[in-house]
Amino acid sequence: MPEHEPPRPEEGEGAPTHAPLDLNRIFSGNELKLSPPETPEDGKHRRHMELVRFYLALAVFAIIFVVCLWGIFSTSAAVEDKKWFTGIIGLMVGAVAGYLFKGK
């Protein structure tokens, strides 16, 4: 025979009571630090640095891509080198596609 749970009282007499949460005990080991909002000068500097990093990464990416394309279409490059260049371009195209369709 399966065991049955006793019926739960809804509200009123016999309903379970809960003690209030002690937030001081729960968060005793943590520290909350509030900092002032970003100033317009700080925001402008942060955005400028993000833009510089973006263009630097784009330039490095483009240089590697162009060197690999040159190596693939070069008549003096060895067949093994062309395989490496093709693999690198494949990885780069996959990275761009992953970034565009999945996000950062």
PDB file of N, CA and C in Angstrom:
ATOM      1  N   MET A   1       0.832  -1.181   0.000  1.00  0.00           N
ATOM      2  CA  MET A   1       0.000   0.000   0.000  1.00  0.00           C
ATOM      3  C   MET A   1       0.872   1.238   0.000  1.00  0.00           C
ATOM      4  N   PRO A   2       0.597   2.185  -0.882  1.00  0.00           N
ATOM      5  CA  PRO A   2       1.405   3.398  -0.906  1.00  0.00           C
ATOM      6  C   PRO A   2       1.105   4.281   0.293  1.00  0.00           C
ATOM      7  N   GLU A   3       2.143   4.936   0.745  1.00  0.00           N
ATOM      8  CA  GLU A   3       1.951   5.851   1.867  1.00  0.00           C
ATOM      9  C   GLU A   3       1.360   7.156   1.347  1.00  0.00           C
ATOM     10  N   HIS A   4       0.457   7.718   2.129  1.00  0.00           N
ATOM     11  CA  HIS A   4      -0.182   8.977   1.755  1.00  0.00           C
ATOM     12  C   HIS A   4       0.301  10.072   2.683  1.00  0.00           C
ATOM     13  N   GLU A   5       0.473  11.279   2.083  1.00  0.00           N
ATOM     14  CA  GLU A   5       0.835  12.424   2.910  1.00  0.00           C
ATOM     15  C   GLU A   5      -0.407  12.951   3.589  1.00  0.00           C
ATOM     16  N   PRO A   6      -0.249  13.423   4.818  1.00  0.00           N
ATOM     17  CA  PRO A   6      -1.414  14.017   5.472  1.00  0.00           C
ATOM     18  C   PRO A   6      -1.784  15.318   4.764  1.00  0.00           C
ATOM     19  N   PRO A   7      -3.047  15.674   4.787  1.00  0.00           N
ATOM     20  CA  PRO A   7      -3.458  16.908   4.112  1.00  0.00           C
ATOM     21  C   PRO A   7      -2.785  18.118   4.756  1.00  0.00           C
ATOM     22  N   ARG A   8      -2.424  19.111   3.920  1.00  0.00           N
ATOM     23  CA  ARG A   8      -1.790  20.325   4.416  1.00  0.00           C
ATOM     24  C   ARG A   8      -2.851  21.351   4.786  1.00  0.00           C
ATOM     25  N   PRO A   9      -2.708  21.952   5.932  1.00  0.00           N
ATOM     26  CA  PRO A   9      -3.644  23.017   6.274  1.00  0.00           C
ATOM     27  C   PRO A   9      -3.324  24.252   5.442  1.00  0.00           C
ATOM     28  N   GLU A  10      -4.352  24.917   4.948  1.00  0.00           N
ATOM     29  CA  GLU A  10      -4.157  26.077   4.081  1.00  0.00           C
ATOM     30  C   GLU A  10      -3.839  27.324   4.892  1.00  0.00           C
ATOM     31  N   GLU A  11      -4.810  27.880   5.517  1.00  0.00           N
ATOM     32  CA  GLU A  11      -4.608  29.086   6.313  1.00  0.00           C
ATOM     33  C   GLU A  11      -5.385  28.938   7.599  1.00  0.00           C
ATOM     34  N   GLY A  12      -4.997  29.769   8.544  1.00  0.00           N
ATOM     35  CA  GLY A  12      -5.722  29.740   9.803  1.00  0.00           C
ATOM     36  C   GLY A  12      -5.028  28.834  10.796  1.00  0.00           C
ATOM     37  N   GLU A  13      -5.815  28.209  11.616  1.00  0.00           N
ATOM     38  CA  GLU A  13      -5.257  27.376  12.677  1.00  0.00           C
ATOM     39  C   GLU A  13      -4.571  26.154  12.079  1.00  0.00           C
ATOM     40  N   GLY A  14      -3.383  25.898  12.566  1.00  0.00           N
ATOM     41  CA  GLY A  14      -2.630  24.735  12.093  1.00  0.00           C
ATOM     42  C   GLY A  14      -1.771  25.021  10.875  1.00  0.00           C
ATOM     43  N   ALA A  15      -1.878  26.227  10.299  1.00  0.00           N
ATOM     44  CA  ALA A  15      -1.062  26.559   9.129  1.00  0.00           C
ATOM     45  C   ALA A  15       0.385  26.763   9.574  1.00  0.00           C
ATOM     46  N   PRO A  16       1.338  26.400   8.735  1.00  0.00           N
ATOM     47  CA  PRO A  16       2.742  26.558   9.129  1.00  0.00           C
ATOM     48  C   PRO A  16       3.096  28.042   9.266  1.00  0.00           C
ATOM     49  N   THR A  17       3.893  28.331  10.242  1.00  0.00           N
ATOM     50  CA  THR A  17       4.364  29.699  10.426  1.00  0.00           C
ATOM     51  C   THR A  17       5.854  29.732  10.127  1.00  0.00           C
ATOM     52  N   HIS A  18       6.311  30.829   9.576  1.00  0.00           N
ATOM     53  CA  HIS A  18       7.708  30.962   9.211  1.00  0.00           C
ATOM     54  C   HIS A  18       8.322  32.096  10.008  1.00  0.00           C
ATOM     55  N   ALA A  19       9.522  31.847  10.489  1.00  0.00           N
ATOM     56  CA  ALA A  19      10.243  32.891  11.212  1.00  0.00           C
ATOM     57  C   ALA A  19      10.770  33.903  10.193  1.00  0.00           C
ATOM     58  N   PRO A  20      10.906  35.159  10.572  1.00  0.00           N
ATOM     59  CA  PRO A  20      11.435  36.144   9.638  1.00  0.00           C
ATOM     60  C   PRO A  20      12.889  35.818   9.282  1.00  0.00           C
ATOM     61  N   LEU A  21      13.283  36.168   8.068  1.00  0.00           N
ATOM     62  CA  LEU A  21      14.643  35.909   7.623  1.00  0.00           C
ATOM     63  C   LEU A  21      15.608  36.860   8.312  1.00  0.00           C
ATOM     64  N   ASP A  22      16.735  36.332   8.739  1.00  0.00           N
ATOM     65  CA  ASP A  22      17.766  37.152   9.344  1.00  0.00           C
ATOM     66  C   ASP A  22      18.795  37.482   8.259  1.00  0.00           C
ATOM     67  N   LEU A  23      18.615  38.631   7.604  1.00  0.00           N
ATOM     68  CA  LEU A  23      19.487  39.006   6.500  1.00  0.00           C
ATOM     69  C   LEU A  23      20.906  39.293   6.970  1.00  0.00           C
ATOM     70  N   ASN A  24      21.066  39.747   8.190  1.00  0.00           N
ATOM     71  CA  ASN A  24      22.408  39.980   8.716  1.00  0.00           C
ATOM     72  C   ASN A  24      23.205  38.682   8.789  1.00  0.00           C
ATOM     73  N   ARG A  25      22.546  37.592   9.143  1.00  0.00           N
ATOM     74  CA  ARG A  25      23.213  36.295   9.225  1.00  0.00           C
ATOM     75  C   ARG A  25      23.510  35.758   7.828  1.00  0.00           C
ATOM     76  N   ILE A  26      22.592  35.950   6.898  1.00  0.00           N
ATOM     77  CA  ILE A  26      22.767  35.418   5.546  1.00  0.00           C
ATOM     78  C   ILE A  26      23.918  36.132   4.833  1.00  0.00           C
ATOM     79  N   PHE A  27      23.989  37.446   4.961  1.00  0.00           N
ATOM     80  CA  PHE A  27      24.987  38.220   4.234  1.00  0.00           C
ATOM     81  C   PHE A  27      26.157  38.655   5.112  1.00  0.00           C
ATOM     82  N   SER A  28      26.415  37.939   6.189  1.00  0.00           N
ATOM     83  CA  SER A  28      27.450  38.371   7.124  1.00  0.00           C
ATOM     84  C   SER A  28      28.854  38.346   6.514  1.00  0.00           C
ATOM     85  N   GLY A  29      29.146  37.454   5.602  1.00  0.00           N
ATOM     86  CA  GLY A  29      30.477  37.356   5.022  1.00  0.00           C
ATOM     87  C   GLY A  29      30.668  38.191   3.774  1.00  0.00           C
ATOM     88  N   ASN A  30      29.643  38.884   3.327  1.00  0.00           N
ATOM     89  CA  ASN A  30      29.724  39.652   2.088  1.00  0.00           C
ATOM     90  C   ASN A  30      29.797  41.141   2.386  1.00  0.00           C
ATOM     91  N   GLU A  31      30.317  41.869   1.415  1.00  0.00           N
ATOM     92  CA  GLU A  31      30.425  43.313   1.563  1.00  0.00           C
ATOM     93  C   GLU A  31      29.750  43.973   0.370  1.00  0.00           C
ATOM     94  N   LEU A  32      28.942  44.948   0.627  1.00  0.00           N
ATOM     95  CA  LEU A  32      28.258  45.676  -0.424  1.00  0.00           C
ATOM     96  C   LEU A  32      28.949  47.017  -0.581  1.00  0.00           C
ATOM     97  N   LYS A  33      29.381  47.306  -1.800  1.00  0.00           N
ATOM     98  CA  LYS A  33      30.090  48.551  -2.048  1.00  0.00           C
ATOM     99  C   LYS A  33      29.315  49.334  -3.101  1.00  0.00           C
ATOM    100  N   LEU A  34      28.923  50.514  -2.764  1.00  0.00           N
ATOM    101  CA  LEU A  34      28.230  51.377  -3.701  1.00  0.00           C
ATOM    102  C   LEU A  34      29.211  52.416  -4.217  1.00  0.00           C
ATOM    103  N   SER A  35      29.282  52.552  -5.517  1.00  0.00           N
ATOM    104  CA  SER A  35      30.184  53.541  -6.091  1.00  0.00           C
ATOM    105  C   SER A  35      29.356  54.586  -6.828  1.00  0.00           C
ATOM    106  N   PRO A  36      29.895  55.776  -6.951  1.00  0.00           N
ATOM    107  CA  PRO A  36      29.144  56.825  -7.634  1.00  0.00           C
ATOM    108  C   PRO A  36      29.000  56.488  -9.109  1.00  0.00           C
ATOM    109  N   PRO A  37      27.983  57.034  -9.760  1.00  0.00           N
ATOM    110  CA  PRO A  37      27.819  56.756 -11.192  1.00  0.00           C
ATOM    111  C   PRO A  37      29.009  57.305 -11.984  1.00  0.00           C
ATOM    112  N   GLU A  38      29.179  56.754 -13.171  1.00  0.00           N
ATOM    113  CA  GLU A  38      30.288  57.147 -14.022  1.00  0.00           C
ATOM    114  C   GLU A  38      30.141  58.606 -14.445  1.00  0.00           C
ATOM    115  N   THR A  39      31.206  59.362 -14.315  1.00  0.00           N
ATOM    116  CA  THR A  39      31.160  60.764 -14.735  1.00  0.00           C
ATOM    117  C   THR A  39      31.214  60.831 -16.257  1.00  0.00           C
ATOM    118  N   PRO A  40      30.748  61.917 -16.837  1.00  0.00           N
ATOM    119  CA  PRO A  40      30.791  62.032 -18.308  1.00  0.00           C
ATOM    120  C   PRO A  40      32.221  61.917 -18.864  1.00  0.00           C
ATOM    121  N   GLU A  41      33.194  62.454 -18.138  1.00  0.00           N
ATOM    122  CA  GLU A  41      34.580  62.356 -18.610  1.00  0.00           C
ATOM    123  C   GLU A  41      35.067  60.912 -18.588  1.00  0.00           C
ATOM    124  N   ASP A  42      34.729  60.191 -17.514  1.00  0.00           N
ATOM    125  CA  ASP A  42      35.124  58.779 -17.431  1.00  0.00           C
ATOM    126  C   ASP A  42      34.450  57.957 -18.524  1.00  0.00           C
ATOM    127  N   GLY A  43      33.182  58.231 -18.777  1.00  0.00           N
ATOM    128  CA  GLY A  43      32.459  57.510 -19.817  1.00  0.00           C
ATOM    129  C   GLY A  43      33.044  57.765 -21.189  1.00  0.00           C
ATOM    130  N   LYS A  44      33.401  59.020 -21.452  1.00  0.00           N
ATOM    131  CA  LYS A  44      33.987  59.361 -22.745  1.00  0.00           C
ATOM    132  C   LYS A  44      35.333  58.654 -22.921  1.00  0.00           C
ATOM    133  N   HIS A  45      36.150  58.637 -21.867  1.00  0.00           N
ATOM    134  CA  HIS A  45      37.444  57.967 -21.933  1.00  0.00           C
ATOM    135  C   HIS A  45      37.278  56.461 -22.127  1.00  0.00           C
ATOM    136  N   ARG A  46      36.339  55.853 -21.405  1.00  0.00           N
ATOM    137  CA  ARG A  46      36.109  54.407 -21.527  1.00  0.00           C
ATOM    138  C   ARG A  46      35.666  54.052 -22.938  1.00  0.00           C
ATOM    139  N   ARG A  47      34.732  54.838 -23.508  1.00  0.00           N
ATOM    140  CA  ARG A  47      34.261  54.564 -24.869  1.00  0.00           C
ATOM    141  C   ARG A  47      35.384  54.748 -25.887  1.00  0.00           C
ATOM    142  N   HIS A  48      36.231  55.752 -25.677  1.00  0.00           N
ATOM    143  CA  HIS A  48      37.356  55.975 -26.580  1.00  0.00           C
ATOM    144  C   HIS A  48      38.308  54.780 -26.545  1.00  0.00           C
ATOM    145  N   MET A  49      38.616  54.290 -25.350  1.00  0.00           N
ATOM    146  CA  MET A  49      39.526  53.151 -25.235  1.00  0.00           C
ATOM    147  C   MET A  49      38.921  51.888 -25.840  1.00  0.00           C
ATOM    148  N   GLU A  50      37.617  51.690 -25.695  1.00  0.00           N
ATOM    149  CA  GLU A  50      36.954  50.542 -26.324  1.00  0.00           C
ATOM    150  C   GLU A  50      37.048  50.642 -27.839  1.00  0.00           C
ATOM    151  N   LEU A  51      36.887  51.844 -28.382  1.00  0.00           N
ATOM    152  CA  LEU A  51      36.972  52.043 -29.822  1.00  0.00           C
ATOM    153  C   LEU A  51      38.396  51.799 -30.323  1.00  0.00           C
ATOM    154  N   VAL A  52      39.399  52.250 -29.576  1.00  0.00           N
ATOM    155  CA  VAL A  52      40.799  52.019 -29.953  1.00  0.00           C
ATOM    156  C   VAL A  52      41.095  50.520 -29.963  1.00  0.00           C
ATOM    157  N   ARG A  53      40.654  49.805 -28.928  1.00  0.00           N
ATOM    158  CA  ARG A  53      40.876  48.356 -28.883  1.00  0.00           C
ATOM    159  C   ARG A  53      40.164  47.643 -30.028  1.00  0.00           C
ATOM    160  N   PHE A  54      38.957  48.098 -30.366  1.00  0.00           N
ATOM    161  CA  PHE A  54      38.208  47.487 -31.467  1.00  0.00           C
ATOM    162  C   PHE A  54      38.956  47.663 -32.787  1.00  0.00           C
ATOM    163  N   TYR A  55      39.403  48.897 -33.081  1.00  0.00           N
ATOM    164  CA  TYR A  55      40.106  49.139 -34.342  1.00  0.00           C
ATOM    165  C   TYR A  55      41.457  48.431 -34.388  1.00  0.00           C
ATOM    166  N   LEU A  56      42.127  48.321 -33.260  1.00  0.00           N
ATOM    167  CA  LEU A  56      43.394  47.598 -33.217  1.00  0.00           C
ATOM    168  C   LEU A  56      43.169  46.107 -33.515  1.00  0.00           C
ATOM    169  N   ALA A  57      42.162  45.525 -32.891  1.00  0.00           N
ATOM    170  CA  ALA A  57      41.847  44.107 -33.139  1.00  0.00           C
ATOM    171  C   ALA A  57      41.409  43.903 -34.587  1.00  0.00           C
ATOM    172  N   LEU A  58      40.625  44.843 -35.126  1.00  0.00           N
ATOM    173  CA  LEU A  58      40.182  44.743 -36.518  1.00  0.00           C
ATOM    174  C   LEU A  58      41.370  44.820 -37.473  1.00  0.00           C
ATOM    175  N   ALA A  59      42.337  45.690 -37.179  1.00  0.00           N
ATOM    176  CA  ALA A  59      43.520  45.815 -38.033  1.00  0.00           C
ATOM    177  C   ALA A  59      44.354  44.533 -38.010  1.00  0.00           C
ATOM    178  N   VAL A  60      44.571  43.966 -36.823  1.00  0.00           N
ATOM    179  CA  VAL A  60      45.333  42.714 -36.721  1.00  0.00           C
ATOM    180  C   VAL A  60      44.605  41.596 -37.460  1.00  0.00           C
ATOM    181  N   PHE A  61      43.304  41.527 -37.289  1.00  0.00           N
ATOM    182  CA  PHE A  61      42.491  40.516 -37.962  1.00  0.00           C
ATOM    183  C   PHE A  61      42.610  40.667 -39.479  1.00  0.00           C
ATOM    184  N   ALA A  62      42.505  41.905 -39.975  1.00  0.00           N
ATOM    185  CA  ALA A  62      42.571  42.147 -41.416  1.00  0.00           C
ATOM    186  C   ALA A  62      43.949  41.811 -41.971  1.00  0.00           C
ATOM    187  N   ILE A  63      45.012  42.157 -41.237  1.00  0.00           N
ATOM    188  CA  ILE A  63      46.370  41.850 -41.709  1.00  0.00           C
ATOM    189  C   ILE A  63      46.572  40.344 -41.827  1.00  0.00           C
ATOM    190  N   ILE A  64      46.157  39.611 -40.816  1.00  0.00           N
ATOM    191  CA  ILE A  64      46.298  38.146 -40.862  1.00  0.00           C
ATOM    192  C   ILE A  64      45.476  37.567 -42.011  1.00  0.00           C
ATOM    193  N   PHE A  65      44.274  38.080 -42.206  1.00  0.00           N
ATOM    194  CA  PHE A  65      43.399  37.591 -43.281  1.00  0.00           C
ATOM    195  C   PHE A  65      44.029  37.852 -44.645  1.00  0.00           C
ATOM    196  N   VAL A  66      44.558  39.057 -44.867  1.00  0.00           N
ATOM    197  CA  VAL A  66      45.165  39.399 -46.156  1.00  0.00           C
ATOM    198  C   VAL A  66      46.421  38.564 -46.404  1.00  0.00           C
ATOM    199  N   VAL A  67      47.239  38.361 -45.373  1.00  0.00           N
ATOM    200  CA  VAL A  67      48.446  37.532 -45.534  1.00  0.00           C
ATOM    201  C   VAL A  67      48.058  36.107 -45.904  1.00  0.00           C
ATOM    202  N   CYS A  68      47.014  35.591 -45.273  1.00  0.00           N
ATOM    203  CA  CYS A  68      46.572  34.231 -45.611  1.00  0.00           C
ATOM    204  C   CYS A  68      46.024  34.152 -47.027  1.00  0.00           C
ATOM    205  N   LEU A  69      45.258  35.156 -47.443  1.00  0.00           N
ATOM    206  CA  LEU A  69      44.759  35.160 -48.831  1.00  0.00           C
ATOM    207  C   LEU A  69      45.918  35.244 -49.820  1.00  0.00           C
ATOM    208  N   TRP A  70      46.899  36.084 -49.510  1.00  0.00           N
ATOM    209  CA  TRP A  70      48.066  36.192 -50.378  1.00  0.00           C
ATOM    210  C   TRP A  70      48.778  34.845 -50.472  1.00  0.00           C
ATOM    211  N   GLY A  71      48.904  34.167 -49.339  1.00  0.00           N
ATOM    212  CA  GLY A  71      49.574  32.869 -49.336  1.00  0.00           C
ATOM    213  C   GLY A  71      48.812  31.819 -50.127  1.00  0.00           C
ATOM    214  N   ILE A  72      47.494  31.868 -50.072  1.00  0.00           N
ATOM    215  CA  ILE A  72      46.690  30.882 -50.812  1.00  0.00           C
ATOM    216  C   ILE A  72      46.828  31.081 -52.309  1.00  0.00           C
ATOM    217  N   PHE A  73      46.798  32.340 -52.761  1.00  0.00           N
ATOM    218  CA  PHE A  73      46.826  32.614 -54.197  1.00  0.00           C
ATOM    219  C   PHE A  73      48.240  32.824 -54.745  1.00  0.00           C
ATOM    220  N   SER A  74      49.236  32.702 -53.888  1.00  0.00           N
ATOM    221  CA  SER A  74      50.616  32.857 -54.326  1.00  0.00           C
ATOM    222  C   SER A  74      51.062  31.613 -55.083  1.00  0.00           C
ATOM    223  N   THR A  75      51.781  31.841 -56.164  1.00  0.00           N
ATOM    224  CA  THR A  75      52.295  30.695 -56.937  1.00  0.00           C
ATOM    225  C   THR A  75      53.558  30.128 -56.307  1.00  0.00           C
ATOM    226  N   SER A  76      54.218  30.924 -55.456  1.00  0.00           N
ATOM    227  CA  SER A  76      55.465  30.452 -54.866  1.00  0.00           C
ATOM    228  C   SER A  76      55.271  29.736 -53.528  1.00  0.00           C
ATOM    229  N   ALA A  77      54.052  29.754 -52.985  1.00  0.00           N
ATOM    230  CA  ALA A  77      53.801  29.107 -51.691  1.00  0.00           C
ATOM    231  C   ALA A  77      53.675  27.596 -51.879  1.00  0.00           C
ATOM    232  N   ALA A  78      54.193  26.862 -50.920  1.00  0.00           N
ATOM    233  CA  ALA A  78      54.125  25.400 -50.976  1.00  0.00           C
ATOM    234  C   ALA A  78      52.695  24.934 -50.692  1.00  0.00           C
ATOM    235  N   VAL A  79      52.390  23.733 -51.098  1.00  0.00           N
ATOM    236  CA  VAL A  79      51.056  23.178 -50.902  1.00  0.00           C
ATOM    237  C   VAL A  79      50.731  23.062 -49.415  1.00  0.00           C
ATOM    238  N   GLU A  80      51.715  22.663 -48.605  1.00  0.00           N
ATOM    239  CA  GLU A  80      51.495  22.555 -47.155  1.00  0.00           C
ATOM    240  C   GLU A  80      51.164  23.916 -46.555  1.00  0.00           C
ATOM    241  N   ASP A  81      51.855  24.955 -47.002  1.00  0.00           N
ATOM    242  CA  ASP A  81      51.574  26.299 -46.505  1.00  0.00           C
ATOM    243  C   ASP A  81      50.168  26.740 -46.875  1.00  0.00           C
ATOM    244  N   LYS A  82      49.757  26.418 -48.094  1.00  0.00           N
ATOM    245  CA  LYS A  82      48.405  26.793 -48.531  1.00  0.00           C
ATOM    246  C   LYS A  82      47.341  26.104 -47.672  1.00  0.00           C
ATOM    247  N   LYS A  83      47.619  24.872 -47.235  1.00  0.00           N
ATOM    248  CA  LYS A  83      46.673  24.173 -46.351  1.00  0.00           C
ATOM    249  C   LYS A  83      46.577  24.901 -45.012  1.00  0.00           C
ATOM    250  N   TRP A  84      47.726  25.362 -44.497  1.00  0.00           N
ATOM    251  CA  TRP A  84      47.707  26.117 -43.240  1.00  0.00           C
ATOM    252  C   TRP A  84      46.923  27.417 -43.398  1.00  0.00           C
ATOM    253  N   PHE A  85      47.186  28.139 -44.488  1.00  0.00           N
ATOM    254  CA  PHE A  85      46.479  29.401 -44.718  1.00  0.00           C
ATOM    255  C   PHE A  85      44.973  29.179 -44.837  1.00  0.00           C
ATOM    256  N   THR A  86      44.589  28.110 -45.511  1.00  0.00           N
ATOM    257  CA  THR A  86      43.168  27.801 -45.660  1.00  0.00           C
ATOM    258  C   THR A  86      42.538  27.493 -44.308  1.00  0.00           C
ATOM    259  N   GLY A  87      43.233  26.754 -43.485  1.00  0.00           N
ATOM    260  CA  GLY A  87      42.713  26.445 -42.151  1.00  0.00           C
ATOM    261  C   GLY A  87      42.563  27.684 -41.282  1.00  0.00           C
ATOM    262  N   ILE A  88      43.536  28.578 -41.364  1.00  0.00           N
ATOM    263  CA  ILE A  88      43.468  29.810 -40.579  1.00  0.00           C
ATOM    264  C   ILE A  88      42.298  30.673 -41.029  1.00  0.00           C
ATOM    265  N   ILE A  89      42.104  30.793 -42.336  1.00  0.00           N
ATOM    266  CA  ILE A  89      40.969  31.579 -42.843  1.00  0.00           C
ATOM    267  C   ILE A  89      39.656  30.934 -42.423  1.00  0.00           C
ATOM    268  N   GLY A  90      39.594  29.621 -42.443  1.00  0.00           N
ATOM    269  CA  GLY A  90      38.381  28.935 -41.991  1.00  0.00           C
ATOM    270  C   GLY A  90      38.067  29.232 -40.535  1.00  0.00           C
ATOM    271  N   LEU A  91      39.102  29.228 -39.702  1.00  0.00           N
ATOM    272  CA  LEU A  91      38.905  29.568 -38.286  1.00  0.00           C
ATOM    273  C   LEU A  91      38.440  31.007 -38.117  1.00  0.00           C
ATOM    274  N   MET A  92      39.011  31.905 -38.899  1.00  0.00           N
ATOM    275  CA  MET A  92      38.631  33.312 -38.793  1.00  0.00           C
ATOM    276  C   MET A  92      37.184  33.533 -39.236  1.00  0.00           C
ATOM    277  N   VAL A  93      36.791  32.892 -40.314  1.00  0.00           N
ATOM    278  CA  VAL A  93      35.406  33.021 -40.783  1.00  0.00           C
ATOM    279  C   VAL A  93      34.457  32.423 -39.753  1.00  0.00           C
ATOM    280  N   GLY A  94      34.833  31.306 -39.165  1.00  0.00           N
ATOM    281  CA  GLY A  94      34.001  30.703 -38.121  1.00  0.00           C
ATOM    282  C   GLY A  94      33.886  31.593 -36.887  1.00  0.00           C
ATOM    283  N   ALA A  95      34.979  32.257 -36.526  1.00  0.00           N
ATOM    284  CA  ALA A  95      34.938  33.164 -35.372  1.00  0.00           C
ATOM    285  C   ALA A  95      34.014  34.349 -35.644  1.00  0.00           C
ATOM    286  N   VAL A  96      34.104  34.906 -36.845  1.00  0.00           N
ATOM    287  CA  VAL A  96      33.235  36.031 -37.184  1.00  0.00           C
ATOM    288  C   VAL A  96      31.772  35.602 -37.205  1.00  0.00           C
ATOM    289  N   ALA A  97      31.505  34.441 -37.790  1.00  0.00           N
ATOM    290  CA  ALA A  97      30.125  33.958 -37.827  1.00  0.00           C
ATOM    291  C   ALA A  97      29.601  33.689 -36.427  1.00  0.00           C
ATOM    292  N   GLY A  98      30.417  33.107 -35.571  1.00  0.00           N
ATOM    293  CA  GLY A  98      29.996  32.857 -34.199  1.00  0.00           C
ATOM    294  C   GLY A  98      29.725  34.146 -33.447  1.00  0.00           C
ATOM    295  N   TYR A  99      30.549  35.147 -33.681  1.00  0.00           N
ATOM    296  CA  TYR A  99      30.364  36.440 -33.018  1.00  0.00           C
ATOM    297  C   TYR A  99      29.086  37.115 -33.495  1.00  0.00           C
ATOM    298  N   LEU A 100      28.843  37.053 -34.812  1.00  0.00           N
ATOM    299  CA  LEU A 100      27.673  37.739 -35.363  1.00  0.00           C
ATOM    300  C   LEU A 100      26.360  37.054 -35.004  1.00  0.00           C
ATOM    301  N   PHE A 101      26.339  35.728 -35.018  1.00  0.00           N
ATOM    302  CA  PHE A 101      25.079  35.018 -34.812  1.00  0.00           C
ATOM    303  C   PHE A 101      24.824  34.609 -33.371  1.00  0.00           C
ATOM    304  N   LYS A 102      25.847  34.479 -32.570  1.00  0.00           N
ATOM    305  CA  LYS A 102      25.646  34.076 -31.175  1.00  0.00           C
ATOM    306  C   LYS A 102      25.855  35.239 -30.232  1.00  0.00           C
ATOM    307  N   GLY A 103      26.736  36.143 -30.544  1.00  0.00           N
ATOM    308  CA  GLY A 103      27.008  37.270 -29.669  1.00  0.00           C
ATOM    309  C   GLY A 103      28.341  37.116 -28.991  1.00  0.00           C
ATOM    310  N   LYS A 104      28.675  38.118 -28.193  1.00  0.00           N
ATOM    311  CA  LYS A 104      29.990  38.154 -27.536  1.00  0.00           C
ATOM    312  C   LYS A 104      30.185  36.969 -26.638  1.00  0.00           C
TER     313      LYS A 104
END
